[in-house]
Structure formats: structure tokens, C-alpha cells
């Protein structure tokens, strides 16, 4: 005798199995990645990680460890010693709201530091300031993360 599974149960089971398994906010998601160790540590030391654990949503343009390593020697170390400046720089990488790559529109977008960030979108290639998005749409429970190749300094874009 053949057993059949009711369609609604099969549909529910398939949708559960294919749904993204989040369970992590943007801070946790970055911390679990091998690409954002330096940025994640800076978020925690600045206190901004506490803000990013709120429901959001947030869009984080997170410089990779490689991006931070490109800075002139001693620059990152100097920035990390000035907590206020570091917090401003980190907040400049965070946008209130959720912007996935398919919805990115060119123009200025507000950041948590109060200064606008210039977003460009050209044939699917997205950039913010002088930084190019190298990996987009890393989803988290309370937003989205886009990996960028350069640290964006407010006022220098």
C-alpha cells in the first residue's frame, strides 16, 4: 500500500527546508565570518555592536579584513586608539533600513553617523564612496551585510 503525504504538509516541509537558516543578527553574522574579524572586533570595542543587535533593519557595508589591511601602516592602530573617531567611522558604514543589491539605487543614503554615504549602482556593480562591494546580500535576522574592499572614511569620499 502506497502512503501519500498531504500536499500542504509537503509544501510546509519543503519551505522550511529551503528557508534561510538565520538566527543571527548582523553582528553575529559578521563575527561568524572569516572576512570581518577586524571590523567585528572594532564594532564590539566601540560599543556600536550593541546598537546593531537591535531589531533594525540595518544595512552594513563592512570592510573585509583585507580592506583594512590595505590602510597605510599604523592607520588602523591609530584609529582604534581614538574611540570617538573609530565609532564615527564604523557608524558611517551602517545605513538604517535594509538595502539588498537588487534594490540599490544611486544617490546619497543616510548613515548612523549622520553623514550621507554616496551609493553608486552600475550594471549590478555597487559601490559606496570609493569602496566596491565584493560580496553582496549576506542576510541576517535584522538586516543585510555587503562586503566592501576599502574602509570608507567620512568626508573623504
N, C-alpha and C. Protein backbone atom coordinates (compact mmCIF):
# COMPACT_ATOMS: atom_id res chain seq x y z
N UNK A 1 0.83 -1.18 0.00
CA UNK A 1 0.00 0.00 0.00
C UNK A 1 0.88 1.24 0.00
N UNK A 2 0.61 2.14 -0.88
CA UNK A 2 1.38 3.37 -1.02
C UNK A 2 0.84 4.42 -0.07
N UNK A 3 1.74 5.12 0.63
CA UNK A 3 1.32 6.20 1.52
C UNK A 3 1.54 7.51 0.78
N UNK A 4 0.57 8.39 0.88
CA UNK A 4 0.75 9.69 0.26
C UNK A 4 0.80 10.75 1.35
N UNK A 5 1.63 11.73 1.12
CA UNK A 5 1.76 12.84 2.07
C UNK A 5 0.86 13.95 1.58
N UNK A 6 -0.03 14.44 2.45
CA UNK A 6 -0.89 15.55 2.02
C UNK A 6 -0.05 16.71 1.49
N UNK A 7 -0.53 17.32 0.44
CA UNK A 7 0.21 18.39 -0.24
C UNK A 7 0.59 19.53 0.69
N UNK A 8 -0.33 19.92 1.61
CA UNK A 8 0.00 21.04 2.48
C UNK A 8 1.16 20.71 3.43
N UNK A 9 1.28 19.47 3.85
CA UNK A 9 2.40 19.07 4.72
C UNK A 9 3.69 19.07 3.92
N UNK A 10 3.65 18.53 2.71
CA UNK A 10 4.83 18.50 1.86
C UNK A 10 5.29 19.92 1.54
N UNK A 11 4.36 20.80 1.22
CA UNK A 11 4.70 22.19 0.92
C UNK A 11 5.34 22.85 2.13
N UNK A 12 4.77 22.66 3.31
CA UNK A 12 5.33 23.25 4.53
C UNK A 12 6.72 22.70 4.81
N UNK A 13 6.90 21.40 4.65
CA UNK A 13 8.20 20.79 4.92
C UNK A 13 9.25 21.30 3.94
N UNK A 14 8.89 21.43 2.68
CA UNK A 14 9.85 21.92 1.68
C UNK A 14 10.20 23.38 1.93
N UNK A 15 9.21 24.18 2.31
CA UNK A 15 9.51 25.59 2.54
C UNK A 15 10.36 25.77 3.79
N UNK A 16 10.17 24.95 4.80
CA UNK A 16 11.01 25.03 5.99
C UNK A 16 12.44 24.62 5.64
N UNK A 17 12.58 23.57 4.86
CA UNK A 17 13.90 23.09 4.49
C UNK A 17 14.67 24.05 3.60
N UNK A 18 13.95 24.86 2.82
CA UNK A 18 14.65 25.74 1.90
C UNK A 18 14.75 27.17 2.42
N UNK A 19 14.13 27.45 3.54
CA UNK A 19 14.19 28.80 4.11
C UNK A 19 15.59 29.06 4.65
N UNK A 20 16.06 30.30 4.49
CA UNK A 20 17.37 30.62 5.04
C UNK A 20 17.38 30.38 6.55
N UNK A 21 18.42 29.77 7.03
CA UNK A 21 18.55 29.48 8.46
C UNK A 21 19.35 30.60 9.10
N UNK A 22 18.66 31.67 9.51
CA UNK A 22 19.35 32.79 10.10
C UNK A 22 19.60 32.52 11.57
N UNK A 23 18.88 33.21 12.42
CA UNK A 23 19.10 33.06 13.84
C UNK A 23 20.24 33.92 14.33
N UNK A 24 20.77 34.77 13.45
CA UNK A 24 21.89 35.62 13.83
C UNK A 24 21.64 37.04 13.34
N UNK A 25 21.96 38.02 14.20
CA UNK A 25 21.85 39.42 13.77
C UNK A 25 23.09 39.78 12.94
N UNK A 26 23.18 41.02 12.49
CA UNK A 26 24.30 41.40 11.63
C UNK A 26 25.65 41.27 12.35
N UNK A 27 25.68 41.56 13.63
CA UNK A 27 26.93 41.45 14.40
C UNK A 27 27.36 39.99 14.49
N UNK A 28 26.43 39.11 14.86
CA UNK A 28 26.75 37.69 14.96
C UNK A 28 27.16 37.12 13.60
N UNK A 29 26.47 37.54 12.55
CA UNK A 29 26.77 37.05 11.21
C UNK A 29 28.18 37.46 10.80
N UNK A 30 28.56 38.71 11.06
CA UNK A 30 29.92 39.14 10.73
C UNK A 30 30.95 38.42 11.60
N UNK A 31 30.63 38.22 12.86
CA UNK A 31 31.57 37.56 13.77
C UNK A 31 31.83 36.12 13.36
N UNK A 32 30.84 35.47 12.76
CA UNK A 32 30.98 34.08 12.33
C UNK A 32 31.74 33.96 11.02
N UNK A 33 31.88 35.05 10.30
CA UNK A 33 32.57 35.05 9.01
C UNK A 33 34.07 35.18 9.22
N UNK A 34 34.83 34.62 8.32
CA UNK A 34 36.29 34.78 8.39
C UNK A 34 36.73 36.09 7.74
N UNK A 35 35.81 36.80 7.09
CA UNK A 35 36.17 38.02 6.36
C UNK A 35 36.15 39.29 7.19
N UNK A 36 35.43 39.28 8.32
CA UNK A 36 35.18 40.53 9.04
C UNK A 36 35.69 40.51 10.48
N UNK A 37 36.72 39.79 10.78
CA UNK A 37 37.22 39.69 12.16
C UNK A 37 37.62 41.06 12.72
N UNK A 38 38.34 41.84 11.95
CA UNK A 38 38.83 43.14 12.41
C UNK A 38 37.67 44.12 12.61
N UNK A 39 36.77 44.19 11.62
CA UNK A 39 35.63 45.09 11.69
C UNK A 39 34.71 44.69 12.85
N UNK A 40 34.48 43.40 13.02
CA UNK A 40 33.62 42.91 14.12
C UNK A 40 34.21 43.28 15.48
N UNK A 41 35.50 43.09 15.63
CA UNK A 41 36.15 43.43 16.89
C UNK A 41 36.04 44.93 17.17
N UNK A 42 36.18 45.74 16.13
CA UNK A 42 36.07 47.18 16.30
C UNK A 42 34.64 47.59 16.68
N UNK A 43 33.64 46.92 16.10
CA UNK A 43 32.25 47.20 16.46
C UNK A 43 32.03 46.93 17.95
N UNK A 44 32.57 45.81 18.43
CA UNK A 44 32.41 45.47 19.85
C UNK A 44 33.15 46.46 20.74
N UNK A 45 34.37 46.81 20.40
CA UNK A 45 35.14 47.70 21.26
C UNK A 45 34.59 49.13 21.26
N UNK A 46 33.94 49.53 20.17
CA UNK A 46 33.38 50.88 20.10
C UNK A 46 32.02 50.98 20.80
N UNK A 47 31.38 49.84 21.03
CA UNK A 47 30.04 49.84 21.61
C UNK A 47 28.94 49.85 20.56
N UNK A 48 29.30 50.03 19.30
CA UNK A 48 28.30 50.07 18.23
C UNK A 48 27.63 48.71 18.00
N UNK A 49 28.29 47.65 18.40
CA UNK A 49 27.70 46.31 18.26
C UNK A 49 26.39 46.21 19.03
N UNK A 50 26.30 46.89 20.17
CA UNK A 50 25.06 46.87 20.95
C UNK A 50 23.89 47.45 20.15
N UNK A 51 24.14 48.54 19.44
CA UNK A 51 23.12 49.15 18.59
C UNK A 51 22.70 48.19 17.48
N UNK A 52 23.68 47.51 16.89
CA UNK A 52 23.41 46.63 15.75
C UNK A 52 22.77 45.30 16.16
N UNK A 53 22.59 45.09 17.44
CA UNK A 53 21.88 43.90 17.91
C UNK A 53 20.38 44.19 18.06
N UNK A 54 19.99 45.45 17.89
CA UNK A 54 18.58 45.83 17.92
C UNK A 54 17.89 45.30 16.67
N UNK A 55 16.54 45.33 16.66
CA UNK A 55 15.81 44.75 15.53
C UNK A 55 16.12 45.36 14.16
N UNK A 56 16.52 46.62 14.12
CA UNK A 56 16.86 47.21 12.83
C UNK A 56 15.62 47.46 11.99
N UNK A 57 15.71 47.23 10.70
CA UNK A 57 16.80 46.57 10.00
C UNK A 57 17.96 47.53 9.72
N UNK A 58 19.12 46.93 9.45
CA UNK A 58 20.34 47.67 9.14
C UNK A 58 20.95 47.12 7.86
N UNK A 59 21.62 48.00 7.14
CA UNK A 59 22.47 47.59 6.04
C UNK A 59 23.89 47.97 6.45
N UNK A 60 24.77 46.99 6.47
CA UNK A 60 26.16 47.24 6.86
C UNK A 60 27.05 47.04 5.65
N UNK A 61 27.79 48.07 5.31
CA UNK A 61 28.82 47.98 4.28
C UNK A 61 30.12 47.71 5.03
N UNK A 62 30.45 46.43 5.17
CA UNK A 62 31.53 46.01 6.05
C UNK A 62 32.84 45.80 5.28
N UNK A 63 33.87 46.56 5.64
CA UNK A 63 35.16 46.32 5.00
C UNK A 63 35.73 44.98 5.47
N UNK A 64 36.24 44.24 4.53
CA UNK A 64 36.86 42.95 4.85
C UNK A 64 38.16 43.19 5.60
N UNK A 65 38.68 42.12 6.17
CA UNK A 65 39.99 42.21 6.82
C UNK A 65 41.05 42.66 5.81
N UNK A 66 40.94 42.19 4.58
CA UNK A 66 41.88 42.60 3.53
C UNK A 66 41.79 44.10 3.25
N UNK A 67 40.56 44.63 3.28
CA UNK A 67 40.38 46.07 3.05
C UNK A 67 41.07 46.88 4.13
N UNK A 68 40.91 46.45 5.37
CA UNK A 68 41.53 47.18 6.48
C UNK A 68 43.06 47.03 6.42
N UNK A 69 43.52 45.86 5.99
CA UNK A 69 44.96 45.64 5.87
C UNK A 69 45.60 46.52 4.80
N UNK A 70 44.81 47.04 3.86
CA UNK A 70 45.33 47.91 2.80
C UNK A 70 45.64 49.32 3.30
N UNK A 71 45.16 49.67 4.48
CA UNK A 71 45.41 51.01 5.02
C UNK A 71 46.90 51.21 5.22
N UNK A 72 47.37 52.45 5.12
CA UNK A 72 48.78 52.71 5.41
C UNK A 72 49.16 52.20 6.80
N UNK A 73 50.38 51.74 6.92
CA UNK A 73 50.88 51.17 8.18
C UNK A 73 50.60 52.12 9.35
N UNK A 74 50.01 51.56 10.40
CA UNK A 74 49.74 52.31 11.62
C UNK A 74 48.41 53.05 11.64
N UNK A 75 47.73 53.17 10.48
CA UNK A 75 46.47 53.91 10.42
C UNK A 75 45.39 53.26 11.27
N UNK A 76 45.18 51.96 11.10
CA UNK A 76 44.13 51.27 11.86
C UNK A 76 44.42 51.32 13.35
N UNK A 77 45.67 51.13 13.72
CA UNK A 77 46.04 51.15 15.13
C UNK A 77 45.76 52.53 15.73
N UNK A 78 46.05 53.59 14.98
CA UNK A 78 45.78 54.95 15.43
C UNK A 78 44.28 55.16 15.60
N UNK A 79 43.50 54.68 14.63
CA UNK A 79 42.04 54.83 14.70
C UNK A 79 41.45 54.10 15.90
N UNK A 80 41.96 52.93 16.20
CA UNK A 80 41.40 52.15 17.30
C UNK A 80 41.71 52.76 18.67
N UNK A 81 42.70 53.64 18.72
CA UNK A 81 43.03 54.31 19.98
C UNK A 81 42.13 55.52 20.25
N UNK A 82 41.44 56.00 19.21
CA UNK A 82 40.54 57.14 19.33
C UNK A 82 39.11 56.61 19.19
N UNK A 83 38.51 56.23 20.32
CA UNK A 83 37.21 55.54 20.31
C UNK A 83 36.13 56.38 19.63
N UNK A 84 36.11 57.69 19.86
CA UNK A 84 35.08 58.54 19.25
C UNK A 84 35.22 58.55 17.73
N UNK A 85 36.42 58.72 17.24
CA UNK A 85 36.67 58.74 15.78
C UNK A 85 36.35 57.36 15.19
N UNK A 86 36.78 56.30 15.87
CA UNK A 86 36.51 54.94 15.39
C UNK A 86 35.00 54.70 15.31
N UNK A 87 34.27 55.10 16.33
CA UNK A 87 32.82 54.92 16.34
C UNK A 87 32.18 55.66 15.18
N UNK A 88 32.63 56.88 14.90
CA UNK A 88 32.10 57.65 13.77
C UNK A 88 32.36 56.92 12.45
N UNK A 89 33.57 56.41 12.29
CA UNK A 89 33.92 55.72 11.06
C UNK A 89 33.08 54.45 10.89
N UNK A 90 32.95 53.69 11.95
CA UNK A 90 32.16 52.46 11.88
C UNK A 90 30.69 52.78 11.59
N UNK A 91 30.14 53.81 12.24
CA UNK A 91 28.75 54.20 12.03
C UNK A 91 28.51 54.69 10.61
N UNK A 92 29.56 55.19 9.97
CA UNK A 92 29.46 55.65 8.58
C UNK A 92 29.27 54.47 7.62
N UNK A 93 29.52 53.27 8.08
CA UNK A 93 29.36 52.06 7.27
C UNK A 93 27.99 51.41 7.47
N UNK A 94 27.14 52.02 8.31
CA UNK A 94 25.84 51.42 8.65
C UNK A 94 24.72 52.36 8.21
N UNK A 95 23.76 51.78 7.50
CA UNK A 95 22.61 52.52 7.00
C UNK A 95 21.35 51.97 7.67
N UNK A 96 20.50 52.85 8.20
CA UNK A 96 19.23 52.36 8.73
C UNK A 96 18.38 51.84 7.57
N UNK A 97 17.75 50.71 7.76
CA UNK A 97 16.96 50.09 6.70
C UNK A 97 17.73 48.97 6.03
N UNK A 98 17.03 48.24 5.21
CA UNK A 98 17.63 47.08 4.54
C UNK A 98 17.69 47.35 3.04
N UNK A 99 18.90 47.41 2.51
CA UNK A 99 19.11 47.63 1.08
C UNK A 99 19.79 46.39 0.50
N UNK A 100 19.04 45.59 -0.22
CA UNK A 100 19.64 44.45 -0.93
C UNK A 100 20.10 44.95 -2.29
N UNK A 101 21.04 44.25 -2.90
CA UNK A 101 21.66 44.73 -4.12
C UNK A 101 20.65 44.99 -5.24
N UNK A 102 19.62 44.17 -5.35
CA UNK A 102 18.63 44.35 -6.41
C UNK A 102 17.83 45.65 -6.25
N UNK A 103 17.82 46.20 -5.03
CA UNK A 103 17.06 47.42 -4.76
C UNK A 103 17.95 48.65 -4.60
N UNK A 104 19.25 48.50 -4.80
CA UNK A 104 20.18 49.62 -4.62
C UNK A 104 19.98 50.65 -5.72
N UNK A 105 19.79 51.89 -5.30
CA UNK A 105 19.61 52.98 -6.24
C UNK A 105 20.70 54.02 -5.99
N UNK A 106 21.30 54.55 -7.06
CA UNK A 106 22.34 55.57 -6.90
C UNK A 106 21.82 56.79 -6.15
N UNK A 107 22.70 57.36 -5.37
CA UNK A 107 22.36 58.58 -4.63
C UNK A 107 22.97 58.56 -3.25
N UNK A 108 22.66 59.57 -2.48
CA UNK A 108 23.16 59.65 -1.12
C UNK A 108 22.18 58.96 -0.18
N UNK A 109 22.74 58.16 0.72
CA UNK A 109 21.92 57.47 1.71
C UNK A 109 22.41 57.86 3.10
N UNK A 110 21.48 57.97 4.05
CA UNK A 110 21.87 58.37 5.41
C UNK A 110 22.58 57.23 6.13
N UNK A 111 23.50 57.57 6.99
CA UNK A 111 24.22 56.58 7.79
C UNK A 111 23.99 56.88 9.27
N UNK A 112 24.40 55.95 10.12
CA UNK A 112 24.21 56.15 11.56
C UNK A 112 25.03 57.31 12.11
N UNK A 113 26.09 57.72 11.41
CA UNK A 113 26.88 58.85 11.91
C UNK A 113 26.30 60.19 11.49
N UNK A 114 25.20 60.17 10.72
CA UNK A 114 24.55 61.41 10.30
C UNK A 114 25.09 62.01 9.03
N UNK A 115 26.16 61.45 8.50
CA UNK A 115 26.72 61.95 7.25
C UNK A 115 26.28 61.02 6.12
N UNK A 116 25.92 61.59 4.96
CA UNK A 116 25.46 60.73 3.87
C UNK A 116 26.60 59.91 3.26
N UNK A 117 26.23 58.78 2.72
CA UNK A 117 27.15 57.89 2.03
C UNK A 117 26.69 57.85 0.57
N UNK A 118 27.61 58.04 -0.35
CA UNK A 118 27.27 58.04 -1.77
C UNK A 118 27.24 56.61 -2.29
N UNK A 119 26.07 56.19 -2.77
CA UNK A 119 25.90 54.85 -3.31
C UNK A 119 25.82 54.95 -4.82
N UNK A 120 26.56 54.09 -5.50
CA UNK A 120 26.54 54.01 -6.96
C UNK A 120 26.13 52.60 -7.35
N UNK A 121 25.38 52.48 -8.42
CA UNK A 121 24.98 51.18 -8.92
C UNK A 121 25.08 51.23 -10.44
N UNK A 122 25.95 50.40 -11.01
CA UNK A 122 26.17 50.41 -12.45
C UNK A 122 26.21 48.98 -12.96
N UNK A 123 25.18 48.59 -13.68
CA UNK A 123 25.09 47.24 -14.24
C UNK A 123 25.33 46.15 -13.20
N UNK A 124 24.73 46.32 -12.03
CA UNK A 124 24.85 45.31 -10.99
C UNK A 124 26.08 45.47 -10.11
N UNK A 125 26.99 46.36 -10.47
CA UNK A 125 28.17 46.63 -9.65
C UNK A 125 27.82 47.78 -8.70
N UNK A 126 27.97 47.53 -7.42
CA UNK A 126 27.61 48.53 -6.41
C UNK A 126 28.87 49.03 -5.74
N UNK A 127 28.88 50.33 -5.47
CA UNK A 127 29.97 50.91 -4.70
C UNK A 127 29.40 51.94 -3.74
N UNK A 128 30.12 52.14 -2.65
CA UNK A 128 29.79 53.18 -1.67
C UNK A 128 31.06 53.97 -1.43
N UNK A 129 30.96 55.28 -1.61
CA UNK A 129 32.18 56.08 -1.53
C UNK A 129 33.16 55.54 -2.56
N UNK A 130 34.39 55.31 -2.12
CA UNK A 130 35.42 54.76 -3.01
C UNK A 130 35.52 53.24 -2.92
N UNK A 131 34.63 52.63 -2.17
CA UNK A 131 34.70 51.18 -1.94
C UNK A 131 33.76 50.43 -2.89
N UNK A 132 34.24 49.33 -3.40
CA UNK A 132 33.41 48.47 -4.24
C UNK A 132 32.86 47.32 -3.40
N UNK A 133 31.61 46.96 -3.65
CA UNK A 133 31.02 45.81 -2.99
C UNK A 133 31.58 44.56 -3.67
N UNK A 134 32.23 43.71 -2.88
CA UNK A 134 32.83 42.49 -3.43
C UNK A 134 31.99 41.26 -3.16
N UNK A 135 31.15 41.32 -2.15
CA UNK A 135 30.18 40.26 -1.87
C UNK A 135 28.93 40.95 -1.33
N UNK A 136 27.81 40.69 -1.97
CA UNK A 136 26.59 41.38 -1.57
C UNK A 136 25.57 40.43 -0.95
N UNK A 137 24.61 41.05 -0.28
CA UNK A 137 23.44 40.35 0.22
C UNK A 137 23.74 39.19 1.17
N UNK A 138 24.58 39.44 2.16
CA UNK A 138 24.79 38.47 3.23
C UNK A 138 23.69 38.76 4.25
N UNK A 139 22.68 37.91 4.25
CA UNK A 139 21.47 38.18 5.03
C UNK A 139 21.63 37.79 6.50
N UNK A 140 21.00 38.58 7.35
CA UNK A 140 20.96 38.33 8.79
C UNK A 140 19.53 38.60 9.25
N UNK A 141 19.23 38.22 10.48
CA UNK A 141 17.88 38.42 11.01
C UNK A 141 17.45 39.89 10.99
N UNK A 142 18.36 40.78 11.25
CA UNK A 142 17.98 42.19 11.36
C UNK A 142 18.60 43.07 10.28
N UNK A 143 18.89 42.47 9.13
CA UNK A 143 19.41 43.29 8.05
C UNK A 143 20.24 42.52 7.05
N UNK A 144 21.13 43.25 6.40
CA UNK A 144 21.94 42.69 5.33
C UNK A 144 23.34 43.29 5.41
N UNK A 145 24.33 42.50 5.02
CA UNK A 145 25.73 42.94 5.03
C UNK A 145 26.25 42.86 3.60
N UNK A 146 27.00 43.87 3.21
CA UNK A 146 27.68 43.87 1.92
C UNK A 146 29.17 44.03 2.21
N UNK A 147 29.97 43.10 1.76
CA UNK A 147 31.42 43.20 1.94
C UNK A 147 31.98 44.22 0.97
N UNK A 148 32.83 45.12 1.49
CA UNK A 148 33.46 46.13 0.63
C UNK A 148 34.98 45.99 0.71
N UNK A 149 35.64 46.54 -0.31
CA UNK A 149 37.08 46.35 -0.46
C UNK A 149 37.93 47.49 0.10
N UNK A 150 37.29 48.49 0.71
CA UNK A 150 38.01 49.66 1.21
C UNK A 150 37.28 50.22 2.42
N UNK A 151 38.01 50.66 3.42
CA UNK A 151 37.41 51.37 4.55
C UNK A 151 36.99 52.75 4.06
N UNK A 152 35.75 53.13 4.32
CA UNK A 152 35.23 54.43 3.87
C UNK A 152 35.35 55.40 5.03
N UNK A 153 36.09 56.47 4.82
CA UNK A 153 36.25 57.49 5.85
C UNK A 153 35.30 58.64 5.58
N UNK A 154 34.50 59.01 6.56
CA UNK A 154 33.54 60.11 6.36
C UNK A 154 34.24 61.39 5.90
N UNK A 155 33.67 62.03 4.90
CA UNK A 155 34.24 63.28 4.40
C UNK A 155 35.37 63.08 3.41
N UNK A 156 35.81 61.85 3.19
CA UNK A 156 36.90 61.60 2.25
C UNK A 156 36.45 60.79 1.05
N UNK A 157 35.15 60.80 0.80
CA UNK A 157 34.64 60.01 -0.32
C UNK A 157 34.31 60.87 -1.50
